[in-house]
Protein backbone atom coordinates (compact mmCIF):
# COMPACT_ATOMS: atom_id res chain seq x y z
CA UNK A 1 4.16 19.62 -11.70
CA UNK A 2 5.03 18.19 -8.28
CA UNK A 3 3.50 15.11 -6.69
CA UNK A 4 4.44 13.77 -3.26
CA UNK A 5 4.53 10.38 -1.58
CA UNK A 6 4.77 10.26 2.21
CA UNK A 7 5.56 7.11 4.20
CA UNK A 8 5.30 7.21 7.98
CA UNK A 9 7.38 5.61 10.76
CA UNK A 10 4.77 3.39 12.40
CA UNK A 11 6.73 0.29 13.34
CA UNK A 12 5.49 -2.83 11.59
CA UNK A 13 2.41 -1.02 10.28
CA UNK A 14 1.38 0.72 7.09
CA UNK A 15 0.26 4.14 5.94
CA UNK A 16 1.22 5.88 2.71
CA UNK A 17 -0.11 9.21 1.48
CA UNK A 18 -0.06 10.33 -2.16
CA UNK A 19 -0.56 14.07 -2.73
CA UNK A 20 -1.04 15.05 -6.35
CA UNK A 21 -0.24 18.40 -7.90
CA UNK A 22 -3.98 19.04 -8.39
CA UNK A 23 -4.54 18.69 -4.63
CA UNK A 24 -6.11 15.22 -4.85
CA UNK A 25 -5.28 12.97 -1.90
CA UNK A 26 -5.00 9.19 -1.82
CA UNK A 27 -4.33 7.45 1.49
CA UNK A 28 -3.25 3.81 1.45
CA UNK A 29 -4.03 2.08 4.76
CA UNK A 30 -4.25 3.77 8.14
CA UNK A 31 -2.54 2.41 11.24
CA UNK A 32 -2.02 4.73 14.18
CA UNK A 33 0.15 2.63 16.50
CA UNK A 34 1.60 5.51 18.53
CA UNK A 35 1.12 5.12 22.31
CA UNK A 36 2.61 8.40 23.56
CA UNK A 37 5.02 6.61 25.87
CA UNK A 38 8.36 8.28 26.42
CA UNK A 39 10.44 5.90 24.31
CA UNK A 40 7.89 5.46 21.52
CA UNK A 41 9.59 6.64 18.32
CA UNK A 42 6.59 5.96 16.10
CA UNK A 43 4.84 9.03 14.75
CA UNK A 44 1.47 10.27 15.96
CA UNK A 45 -0.23 9.60 12.65
CA UNK A 46 -3.23 11.98 12.79
CA UNK A 47 -0.93 14.80 13.89
CA UNK A 48 1.47 14.14 11.01
CA UNK A 49 -1.35 13.83 8.50
CA UNK A 50 -2.86 17.13 9.66
CA UNK A 51 0.43 18.82 8.81
CA UNK A 52 0.08 17.64 5.22
CA UNK A 53 -3.68 17.55 4.63
CA UNK A 54 -5.44 20.91 4.67
CA UNK A 55 -8.86 19.77 3.46
CA UNK A 56 -11.62 17.98 5.36
CA UNK A 57 -11.66 14.95 3.09
CA UNK A 58 -9.61 12.44 1.14
CA UNK A 59 -10.44 11.71 -2.47
CA UNK A 60 -9.58 8.04 -2.04
CA UNK A 61 -8.84 5.94 1.04
CA UNK A 62 -7.56 2.44 0.25
CA UNK A 63 -7.48 -0.38 2.78
CA UNK A 64 -5.40 -3.08 1.14
CA UNK A 65 -6.81 -5.61 3.63
CA UNK A 66 -8.30 -5.63 7.10
CA UNK A 67 -5.42 -6.66 9.37
CA UNK A 68 -5.09 -4.38 12.39
CA UNK A 69 -1.68 -3.10 11.29
CA UNK A 70 -3.49 -1.61 8.28
CA UNK A 71 -6.65 -0.28 9.98
CA UNK A 72 -5.76 0.51 13.60
CA UNK A 73 -7.34 3.77 14.77
CA UNK A 74 -9.15 4.52 11.51
CA UNK A 75 -12.56 4.64 13.24
CA UNK A 76 -11.35 7.53 15.41
CA UNK A 77 -9.96 9.53 12.50
CA UNK A 78 -12.50 9.20 9.68
CA UNK A 79 -16.10 10.30 9.24
CA UNK A 80 -18.00 7.06 8.62
CA UNK A 81 -21.38 7.09 6.95
CA UNK A 82 -23.01 4.09 8.60
CA UNK A 83 -23.34 5.46 12.17
CA UNK A 84 -23.64 8.91 13.76
CA UNK A 85 -21.17 8.06 16.52
CA UNK A 86 -18.41 8.08 13.88
CA UNK A 87 -19.41 11.51 12.56
CA UNK A 88 -18.90 15.15 13.46
CA UNK A 89 -16.02 17.10 14.89
CA UNK A 90 -12.86 17.25 12.81
CA UNK A 91 -13.15 13.75 11.36
CA UNK A 92 -11.94 13.44 7.77
CA UNK A 93 -14.43 12.36 5.14
CA UNK A 94 -13.78 9.61 2.62
CA UNK A 95 -15.04 10.49 -0.84
CA UNK A 96 -14.30 7.01 -2.17
CA UNK A 97 -13.41 3.94 -0.12
CA UNK A 98 -11.44 1.13 -1.81
CA UNK A 99 -11.45 -2.34 -0.24
CA UNK A 100 -10.82 -5.92 -1.38
CA UNK A 101 -13.87 -8.17 -1.61
CA UNK A 102 -12.51 -9.86 1.53
CA UNK A 103 -13.65 -6.88 3.60
CA UNK A 104 -17.24 -7.30 2.38
CA UNK A 105 -17.32 -11.09 2.69
CA UNK A 106 -15.38 -11.90 5.85
CA UNK A 107 -17.40 -13.23 8.76
CA UNK A 108 -16.44 -13.31 12.41
CA UNK A 109 -14.13 -10.28 12.35
CA UNK A 110 -13.85 -8.10 15.43
CA UNK A 111 -12.84 -4.64 16.62
CA UNK A 112 -12.02 -2.14 13.88
CA UNK A 113 -12.01 -4.76 11.15
CA UNK A 114 -15.74 -5.21 11.88
CA UNK A 115 -16.26 -1.43 11.73
CA UNK A 116 -14.53 -1.29 8.35
CA UNK A 117 -16.68 -4.16 7.11
CA UNK A 118 -19.84 -2.38 8.26
CA UNK A 119 -18.84 0.85 6.52
CA UNK A 120 -17.91 -0.94 3.29
CA UNK A 121 -21.15 -2.95 3.26
CA UNK A 122 -23.18 0.22 3.94
CA UNK A 123 -21.61 2.02 0.99
CA UNK A 124 -22.03 -0.94 -1.34
CA UNK A 125 -25.69 -1.34 -0.39
CA UNK A 126 -26.14 2.37 -1.13
CA UNK A 127 -24.28 1.99 -4.43
CA UNK A 128 -21.91 4.93 -3.98
CA UNK A 129 -18.66 6.06 -2.44
CA UNK A 130 -16.90 2.72 -2.77
CA UNK A 131 -14.88 0.49 -5.07
CA UNK A 132 -14.58 -3.23 -4.37
CA UNK A 133 -11.58 -5.07 -5.77
CA UNK A 134 -12.36 -8.47 -7.29
CA UNK A 135 -15.59 -10.04 -8.44
CA UNK A 136 -15.89 -13.54 -6.98
CA UNK A 137 -19.07 -15.61 -7.07
CA UNK A 138 -19.28 -15.24 -3.29
CA UNK A 139 -19.68 -11.48 -3.71
CA UNK A 140 -22.53 -12.02 -6.14
CA UNK A 141 -24.09 -14.37 -3.60
CA UNK A 142 -23.79 -11.75 -0.86
CA UNK A 143 -25.39 -9.10 -3.07
CA UNK A 144 -28.26 -11.43 -3.90
CA UNK A 145 -28.82 -12.11 -0.20
CA UNK A 146 -28.83 -8.34 0.44
CA UNK A 147 -31.30 -7.84 -2.43
CA UNK A 148 -28.85 -5.64 -4.35
CA UNK A 149 -28.85 -6.22 -8.09
CA UNK A 150 -25.37 -6.98 -9.37
CA UNK A 151 -26.04 -4.82 -12.44
CA UNK A 152 -26.55 -1.83 -10.12
CA UNK A 153 -23.08 -2.10 -8.56
CA UNK A 154 -21.04 -3.74 -11.30
CA UNK A 155 -19.48 -0.37 -12.17
CA UNK A 156 -18.11 -0.17 -8.62
CA UNK A 157 -16.15 -3.44 -8.90
CA UNK A 158 -12.54 -3.53 -10.12
CA UNK A 159 -11.12 -6.77 -11.47
CA UNK A 160 -7.48 -7.77 -11.35
CA UNK A 161 -5.71 -6.94 -14.59
CA UNK A 162 -7.60 -3.69 -15.20
CA UNK A 163 -7.11 0.01 -14.53
CA UNK A 164 -9.29 1.66 -11.91
CA UNK A 165 -12.08 3.76 -13.49
CA UNK A 166 -11.17 7.44 -13.38
CA UNK A 167 -7.51 6.53 -12.90
CA UNK A 168 -6.66 5.26 -16.36
CA UNK A 169 -4.33 6.38 -19.13
CA UNK A 170 -6.39 9.51 -19.79
CA UNK A 171 -5.89 10.78 -16.23
CA UNK A 172 -3.35 13.61 -16.56
CA UNK A 173 -1.75 12.85 -13.19
CA UNK A 174 -2.03 9.24 -12.08
CA UNK A 175 -2.93 5.90 -13.64
CA UNK A 176 -3.70 3.02 -11.25
CA UNK A 177 -3.61 -0.62 -12.34
CA UNK A 178 -4.99 -3.42 -10.15
CA UNK A 179 -2.78 -6.52 -9.96
CA UNK A 180 -4.74 -8.28 -7.22
CA UNK A 181 -6.78 -9.70 -5.57
CA UNK A 182 -7.95 -12.52 -7.81
CA UNK A 183 -11.51 -13.80 -7.80
CA UNK A 184 -10.44 -17.44 -7.29
CA UNK A 185 -8.88 -16.46 -3.95
CA UNK A 186 -12.34 -15.94 -2.48
CA UNK A 187 -14.21 -18.84 -4.03
CA UNK A 188 -12.15 -21.65 -2.53
CA UNK A 189 -13.95 -23.61 0.18
CA UNK A 190 -11.62 -22.31 2.85
CA UNK A 191 -11.45 -19.31 5.14
CA UNK A 192 -10.22 -16.20 3.35
CA UNK A 193 -6.57 -15.41 4.05
CA UNK A 194 -6.35 -11.61 4.20
CA UNK A 195 -2.83 -11.46 2.85
CA UNK A 196 -3.76 -13.62 -0.15
CA UNK A 197 -6.76 -11.35 -0.78
CA UNK A 198 -4.98 -7.99 -0.42
CA UNK A 199 -5.02 -5.16 -2.97
CA UNK A 200 -1.81 -4.89 -5.01
CA UNK A 201 -1.45 -1.86 -7.28
CA UNK A 202 0.87 -0.19 -9.76
CA UNK A 203 0.50 3.60 -9.74
CA UNK A 204 2.02 5.46 -12.71
CA UNK A 205 2.65 9.17 -12.32
CA UNK A 206 2.08 10.65 -15.76
CA UNK A 207 4.85 13.19 -15.59
CA UNK A 208 7.75 12.92 -18.04
CA UNK A 209 9.59 10.70 -17.43
CA UNK A 210 6.79 8.54 -16.06
CA UNK A 211 7.40 7.29 -12.53
CA UNK A 212 6.01 3.90 -11.56
CA UNK A 213 5.15 3.07 -7.95
CA UNK A 214 4.47 -0.57 -7.03
CA UNK A 215 2.44 -1.09 -3.83
CA UNK A 216 2.71 -4.70 -2.70
CA UNK A 217 0.75 -4.60 0.59
CA UNK A 218 1.29 -7.90 2.46
CA UNK A 219 1.65 -10.12 -0.59
CA UNK A 220 3.62 -13.31 0.00
CA UNK A 221 5.79 -14.99 -2.61
CA UNK A 222 2.94 -17.19 -3.92
CA UNK A 223 0.69 -14.20 -4.63
CA UNK A 224 3.57 -12.32 -6.26
CA UNK A 225 4.34 -15.42 -8.33
CA UNK A 226 0.76 -15.39 -9.66
CA UNK A 227 0.86 -11.64 -10.37
CA UNK A 228 4.13 -11.91 -12.29
CA UNK A 229 3.07 -15.04 -14.19
CA UNK A 230 -0.24 -13.53 -15.32
CA UNK A 231 1.31 -10.17 -16.23
CA UNK A 232 3.92 -11.86 -18.39
CA UNK A 233 1.43 -14.31 -19.92
CA UNK A 234 -0.92 -11.52 -21.02
CA UNK A 235 1.89 -9.26 -22.25
CA UNK A 236 1.49 -6.80 -19.38
CA UNK A 237 5.19 -6.75 -18.59
CA UNK A 238 5.15 -2.96 -18.28
CA UNK A 239 2.73 -3.31 -15.36
CA UNK A 240 5.55 -4.89 -13.37
CA UNK A 241 8.02 -2.04 -13.92
CA UNK A 242 8.80 0.10 -10.90
CA UNK A 243 10.90 3.08 -9.92
CA UNK A 244 9.61 2.98 -6.34
CA UNK A 245 8.47 -0.18 -4.58
CA UNK A 246 6.59 -0.35 -1.29
CA UNK A 247 8.06 -3.63 -0.09
CA UNK A 248 5.60 -6.26 1.09
CA UNK A 249 4.78 -7.54 4.56
CA UNK A 250 7.18 -5.39 6.55
CA UNK A 251 10.23 -7.06 4.97
CA UNK A 252 9.24 -10.63 5.77
CA UNK A 253 11.29 -13.30 4.04
CA UNK A 254 8.01 -15.04 3.13
CA UNK A 255 7.40 -12.37 0.49
CA UNK A 256 10.54 -13.58 -1.27
CA UNK A 257 10.27 -17.34 -0.89
CA UNK A 258 9.58 -20.21 1.52
CA UNK A 259 13.11 -20.45 2.90
CA UNK A 260 14.57 -17.70 5.08
CA UNK A 261 18.17 -18.58 4.26
CA UNK A 262 21.19 -18.34 6.53
CA UNK A 263 22.40 -14.83 5.68
CA UNK A 264 20.28 -13.81 2.67
CA UNK A 265 16.88 -14.95 1.47
CA UNK A 266 17.06 -16.18 -2.11
CA UNK A 267 13.78 -15.33 -3.85
CA UNK A 268 11.87 -17.78 -5.99
CA UNK A 269 12.55 -17.03 -9.63
CA UNK A 270 9.44 -15.03 -10.60
CA UNK A 271 9.93 -12.80 -7.55
CA UNK A 272 13.61 -12.41 -8.41
CA UNK A 273 12.59 -11.14 -11.83
CA UNK A 274 10.21 -8.63 -10.27
CA UNK A 275 13.06 -6.96 -8.41
CA UNK A 276 16.09 -7.58 -10.58
CA UNK A 277 14.57 -7.33 -14.07
CA UNK A 278 11.59 -4.99 -13.64
CA UNK A 279 13.16 -2.58 -11.19
CA UNK A 280 14.48 0.51 -12.97
CA UNK A 281 17.87 2.15 -12.65
CA UNK A 282 18.23 4.53 -9.69
CA UNK A 283 15.18 3.01 -8.04
CA UNK A 284 13.96 3.41 -4.47
CA UNK A 285 12.89 0.55 -2.20
CA UNK A 286 10.82 1.50 0.88
CA UNK A 287 10.20 -0.95 3.71
CA UNK A 288 7.38 0.02 6.12
CA UNK A 289 8.89 -1.74 9.10
CA UNK A 290 10.67 -1.60 12.42
CA UNK A 291 14.46 -1.20 12.43
CA UNK A 292 16.19 -4.21 10.92
CA UNK A 293 17.63 -6.45 13.65
CA UNK A 294 21.25 -7.54 13.70
CA UNK A 295 20.14 -11.06 14.56
CA UNK A 296 19.34 -13.62 11.89
CA UNK A 297 17.10 -15.57 14.26
CA UNK A 298 14.10 -13.28 14.72
CA UNK A 299 10.68 -14.81 14.09
CA UNK A 300 8.66 -11.70 13.26
CA UNK A 301 9.62 -9.34 10.41
CA UNK A 302 11.63 -7.48 9.45
CA UNK A 303 14.10 -10.27 8.75
CA UNK A 304 17.79 -9.56 8.33
CA UNK A 305 18.00 -12.12 5.51
CA UNK A 306 15.28 -10.34 3.52
CA UNK A 307 16.96 -7.00 4.15
CA UNK A 308 20.23 -8.35 2.75
CA UNK A 309 18.49 -9.41 -0.46
CA UNK A 310 16.72 -6.07 -0.92
CA UNK A 311 19.99 -4.25 -0.23
CA UNK A 312 21.60 -6.26 -3.02
CA UNK A 313 18.81 -5.13 -5.37
CA UNK A 314 19.41 -1.50 -4.40
CA UNK A 315 23.11 -1.98 -5.17
CA UNK A 316 22.31 -3.67 -8.49
CA UNK A 317 20.11 -0.74 -9.52
CA UNK A 318 22.37 1.99 -8.15
CA UNK A 319 19.37 2.86 -6.04
CA UNK A 320 18.48 3.12 -2.39
CA UNK A 321 16.79 1.02 0.29
CA UNK A 322 15.10 2.85 3.16
CA UNK A 323 13.32 1.52 6.26
CA UNK A 324 10.63 3.85 7.62
CA UNK A 325 11.60 3.40 11.29
CA UNK A 326 15.25 4.12 10.43
CA UNK A 327 14.66 7.21 8.30
CA UNK A 328 16.55 9.49 8.44
CA UNK A 329 17.96 8.01 11.67
CA UNK A 330 16.79 5.22 13.95
CA UNK A 331 17.06 7.49 16.99
CA UNK A 332 14.61 9.99 15.50
CA UNK A 333 12.59 8.60 12.59
CA UNK A 334 10.47 11.07 10.66
CA UNK A 335 7.98 10.78 7.79
CA UNK A 336 9.65 10.10 4.48
CA UNK A 337 8.80 12.30 1.52
CA UNK A 338 9.40 11.54 -2.13
CA UNK A 339 8.88 14.31 -4.68
CA UNK A 340 7.95 13.33 -8.23
CA UNK A 341 8.17 15.76 -11.13
CA UNK A 342 9.61 16.07 -14.62
CA UNK A 343 13.10 15.58 -13.21
CA UNK A 344 12.16 12.16 -11.88
CA UNK A 345 11.93 11.30 -8.21
CA UNK A 346 13.72 12.85 -5.25
CA UNK A 347 13.89 11.44 -1.74
CA UNK A 348 13.78 14.47 0.54
CA UNK A 349 15.66 13.83 3.74
CA UNK A 350 14.62 15.39 7.02
CA UNK A 351 16.68 17.45 9.47
CA UNK A 352 19.60 15.40 10.73
CA UNK A 353 21.84 15.81 13.77
CA UNK A 354 24.14 18.38 12.16
CA UNK A 355 21.21 20.62 11.31
CA UNK A 356 21.22 20.04 7.57
CA UNK A 357 18.31 19.26 5.31
CA UNK A 358 19.54 17.06 2.48
CA UNK A 359 18.05 15.65 -0.67
CA UNK A 360 19.02 12.64 -2.71
CA UNK A 361 17.96 13.13 -6.30
CA UNK A 362 17.42 9.93 -8.22
CA UNK A 363 17.44 10.88 -11.90
CA UNK A 364 15.63 8.57 -14.26
CA UNK A 365 15.84 7.71 -17.89
CA UNK A 366 12.93 8.70 -20.10
């Protein structure tokens, strides 16, 4: 039984593909940032996906939130149900769209974030082909205004602290647990912060040994603090375990704590526990980000100080830290592939300068 995770070199943007042994496909975010210019090392995302995806549809497409670095170009790639102009040709269909409640509720959004909102609202009104993460009072108010009975769509809503229907413990391949967003995030009398309202998941591959994949989207340290605190309080410690972690917010120091630090960001204590206590031996840390700068003074992520902390975690766990735009080499980044089977997880390395294809096997305990 082989499953695959692919992460793509897209600069400070996000796209991850999960391909299960059964052929099921789950795509997390879609951001085609490639320009085609001579020195652009980012991948041409639809071209790379077409190499891996042989069907005309995805079983699940997850948009963790609606920032452009998570949705850019999606309206050109996918078949969207709400308008004919987004249909036909070789567009890929979405069997089930997953979005945070923020996507439904946000007002004033523009460009492709507005298109995503329109598609999500269309599916929710039609009561099919969607799952909405979190159940705030504001969502109930929106449904009432749209004359949609909450009881008719309640089964499509996933609350934090629960497994996603159809992806629970009885699924022979993959169990998916929702850590966030929280309902209270939306019901404050302030504008919704997309990062605070993003989808955070733990995906458990039900091979033996089980492999746990933590997807942290753009969560900052305060959101992670809440996730860790609630998981520990309700005896869900195992939901924090990870063998692979998709590092948050393109390796921003703000996902570790409020202070960047001089040479290394020191995480606030709950976040420290997430990495140092809940990370498993021989683990893999993946940062979807641009190459890490040598300078400690950059404003935008990735931040060298955050990198130095994550590198220390990799050392502590006898594991590995990889940056998508540096894999396998900064001069020629290529999509990363992780194979998961009954031997654990294996990071498959692409062709390198000497012409060799190498693998780094990361054996796990049971």
